[in-house]
Amino acid sequence: MMSEAGRDKEEELRHAERVLSSLLKQKLAREWFGVPVDPVALGIPDYFTIIHKPMDLGTVESNLKANKYSSMDDMAADVRLCFANAMKYNPPANTVHQQAKRLLTIFEAKLMSLQRRLEQKRQRALHSKVLGGVGGAESNGSNSSSSQT
């Protein structure tokens, strides 16, 4: 039987996967950041000299599906690494740098929204446990007088 913490983690990662999927629906995210950088094909032989821990969104997606992340924060760290690498390697005036910055901003906003929703859900569940049924109809939001005329 799975613990409550295990269920929370599983749910958190399912939602995180949706955030990543929505990001990958954007053409540039998929095309530029969805596969590992190939320094030979791109003619950038110094890439691994500058970038010591490569990461791409396709690898993040594979890791999520293979349950390699222990938390949403771990997954988010790899997404951030992907975009940080692009911004580190490419100068600010470069389109890749600019798109990485834009996509990172989108990701952070979606992630923050998800984290708020999950926290609200946790708070509601905690509140329900604390009440433990105290208040009857009041605690479940029903109002019997509303159906009477």
Protein backbone atom coordinates (compact mmCIF):
# COMPACT_ATOMS: atom_id res chain seq x y z
CA MET A 1 0.00 0.00 0.00
CA MET A 2 1.36 3.42 -1.00
CA SER A 3 1.82 6.08 1.68
CA GLU A 4 0.12 9.45 1.46
CA ALA A 5 3.49 11.07 0.77
CA GLY A 6 4.08 8.60 -2.07
CA ARG A 7 0.69 9.40 -3.58
CA ASP A 8 1.41 13.13 -3.29
CA LYS A 9 4.76 12.69 -5.03
CA GLU A 10 3.19 10.60 -7.78
CA GLU A 11 0.45 13.17 -8.33
CA GLU A 12 2.97 16.02 -8.27
CA LEU A 13 5.09 14.35 -10.94
CA ARG A 14 2.03 13.59 -13.10
CA HIS A 15 1.16 17.27 -13.05
CA ALA A 16 4.80 18.21 -13.71
CA GLU A 17 4.74 15.96 -16.76
CA ARG A 18 1.71 17.91 -18.06
CA VAL A 19 3.58 21.19 -17.57
CA LEU A 20 6.52 19.82 -19.54
CA SER A 21 4.24 18.44 -22.26
CA SER A 22 2.55 21.82 -22.67
CA LEU A 23 5.99 23.42 -23.03
CA LEU A 24 7.03 20.82 -25.63
CA LYS A 25 3.94 21.68 -27.71
CA GLN A 26 5.71 24.90 -28.61
CA LYS A 27 7.60 24.38 -31.85
CA LEU A 28 10.87 26.01 -30.76
CA ALA A 29 10.91 24.17 -27.44
CA ARG A 30 10.55 20.86 -29.24
CA GLU A 31 12.92 21.61 -32.12
CA TRP A 32 15.69 23.47 -30.30
CA PHE A 33 15.52 22.09 -26.79
CA GLY A 34 13.81 18.71 -27.23
CA VAL A 35 16.93 16.74 -28.17
CA PRO A 36 20.51 16.68 -26.89
CA VAL A 37 22.86 19.22 -28.45
CA ASP A 38 24.98 17.65 -31.20
CA PRO A 39 28.15 19.78 -31.29
CA VAL A 40 29.42 18.11 -34.47
CA ALA A 41 26.22 18.64 -36.46
CA LEU A 42 25.91 22.20 -35.17
CA GLY A 43 29.60 23.04 -35.76
CA ILE A 44 30.22 24.05 -32.15
CA PRO A 45 33.19 21.90 -31.06
CA ASP A 46 33.70 23.89 -27.84
CA TYR A 47 30.22 23.08 -26.51
CA PHE A 48 31.33 20.47 -23.96
CA THR A 49 34.20 22.71 -22.85
CA ILE A 50 31.67 25.36 -21.83
CA ILE A 51 28.69 23.16 -20.89
CA HIS A 52 29.68 20.52 -18.34
CA LYS A 53 26.25 19.04 -17.65
CA PRO A 54 24.17 18.96 -20.82
CA MET A 55 20.40 18.64 -20.53
CA ASP A 56 17.48 18.77 -22.94
CA LEU A 57 13.71 18.61 -22.59
CA GLY A 58 13.49 15.23 -24.33
CA THR A 59 15.76 13.73 -21.69
CA VAL A 60 13.66 15.36 -18.95
CA GLU A 61 10.54 13.86 -20.51
CA SER A 62 12.18 10.40 -20.71
CA ASN A 63 13.36 10.67 -17.10
CA LEU A 64 9.85 11.58 -15.97
CA LYS A 65 8.33 8.61 -17.78
CA ALA A 66 11.00 6.31 -16.33
CA ASN A 67 10.30 7.61 -12.77
CA LYS A 68 13.87 8.88 -12.37
CA TYR A 69 12.85 12.02 -10.50
CA SER A 70 12.09 11.89 -6.80
CA SER A 71 10.21 15.19 -6.86
CA MET A 72 8.82 17.93 -9.06
CA ASP A 73 11.71 20.11 -7.87
CA ASP A 74 14.23 17.62 -9.29
CA MET A 75 12.46 17.68 -12.66
CA ALA A 76 12.25 21.49 -12.60
CA ALA A 77 16.00 21.70 -11.87
CA ASP A 78 16.72 19.77 -15.09
CA VAL A 79 14.38 21.97 -17.14
CA ARG A 80 16.13 25.03 -15.72
CA LEU A 81 19.51 23.46 -16.50
CA CYS A 82 18.47 22.93 -20.11
CA PHE A 83 17.65 26.61 -20.56
CA ALA A 84 20.56 27.83 -18.42
CA ASN A 85 22.96 25.89 -20.65
CA ALA A 86 21.48 27.51 -23.77
CA MET A 87 21.79 30.96 -22.21
CA LYS A 88 25.34 30.27 -21.00
CA TYR A 89 26.58 29.03 -24.36
CA ASN A 90 24.78 31.58 -26.55
CA PRO A 91 25.27 35.34 -26.06
CA PRO A 92 22.24 37.44 -25.04
CA ALA A 93 21.72 38.82 -28.57
CA ASN A 94 21.48 35.27 -29.98
CA THR A 95 18.01 33.97 -30.84
CA VAL A 96 18.63 30.66 -29.02
CA HIS A 97 19.51 32.57 -25.84
CA GLN A 98 16.42 34.76 -26.16
CA GLN A 99 14.10 31.80 -26.79
CA ALA A 100 15.60 29.86 -23.89
CA LYS A 101 14.93 32.85 -21.64
CA ARG A 102 11.36 33.18 -22.95
CA LEU A 103 10.60 29.47 -22.54
CA LEU A 104 12.12 29.46 -19.05
CA THR A 105 9.80 32.31 -18.09
CA ILE A 106 6.81 30.37 -19.44
CA PHE A 107 7.91 27.22 -17.60
CA GLU A 108 8.38 29.07 -14.31
CA ALA A 109 4.92 30.65 -14.57
CA LYS A 110 3.27 27.29 -15.31
CA LEU A 111 5.22 25.62 -12.52
CA MET A 112 4.32 28.33 -10.01
CA SER A 113 0.65 28.01 -10.94
CA LEU A 114 0.84 24.24 -10.51
CA GLN A 115 2.58 24.54 -7.16
CA ARG A 116 -0.11 26.95 -5.92
CA ARG A 117 -2.89 24.57 -7.01
CA LEU A 118 -1.21 21.59 -5.36
CA GLU A 119 -0.67 23.55 -2.15
CA GLN A 120 -4.32 24.64 -2.10
CA LYS A 121 -5.35 21.01 -2.57
CA ARG A 122 -3.08 19.93 0.30
CA GLN A 123 -4.51 22.66 2.52
CA ARG A 124 -8.09 21.60 1.73
CA ALA A 125 -7.23 17.96 2.49
CA LEU A 126 -5.56 18.95 5.75
CA HIS A 127 -8.53 21.12 6.68
CA SER A 128 -10.90 18.22 5.98
CA LYS A 129 -8.81 15.90 8.17
CA VAL A 130 -8.73 18.41 11.00
CA LEU A 131 -12.48 18.91 10.85
CA GLY A 132 -13.01 15.15 10.67
CA GLY A 133 -16.62 15.57 9.72
CA VAL A 134 -17.36 18.30 12.27
CA GLY A 135 -20.06 20.58 10.95
CA GLY A 136 -21.84 18.03 8.78
CA ALA A 137 -23.44 19.77 5.81
CA GLU A 138 -21.38 22.93 6.39
CA SER A 139 -18.08 21.13 5.90
CA ASN A 140 -19.07 19.59 2.54
CA GLY A 141 -20.44 22.82 1.13
CA SER A 142 -24.07 21.71 0.84
CA ASN A 143 -26.84 24.06 1.75
CA SER A 144 -30.17 22.35 2.24
CA SER A 145 -32.13 25.63 2.34
CA SER A 146 -31.15 26.55 -1.21
CA SER A 147 -33.41 23.86 -2.68
CA GLN A 148 -36.49 25.02 -0.77
CA THR A 149 -38.87 27.66 -2.11
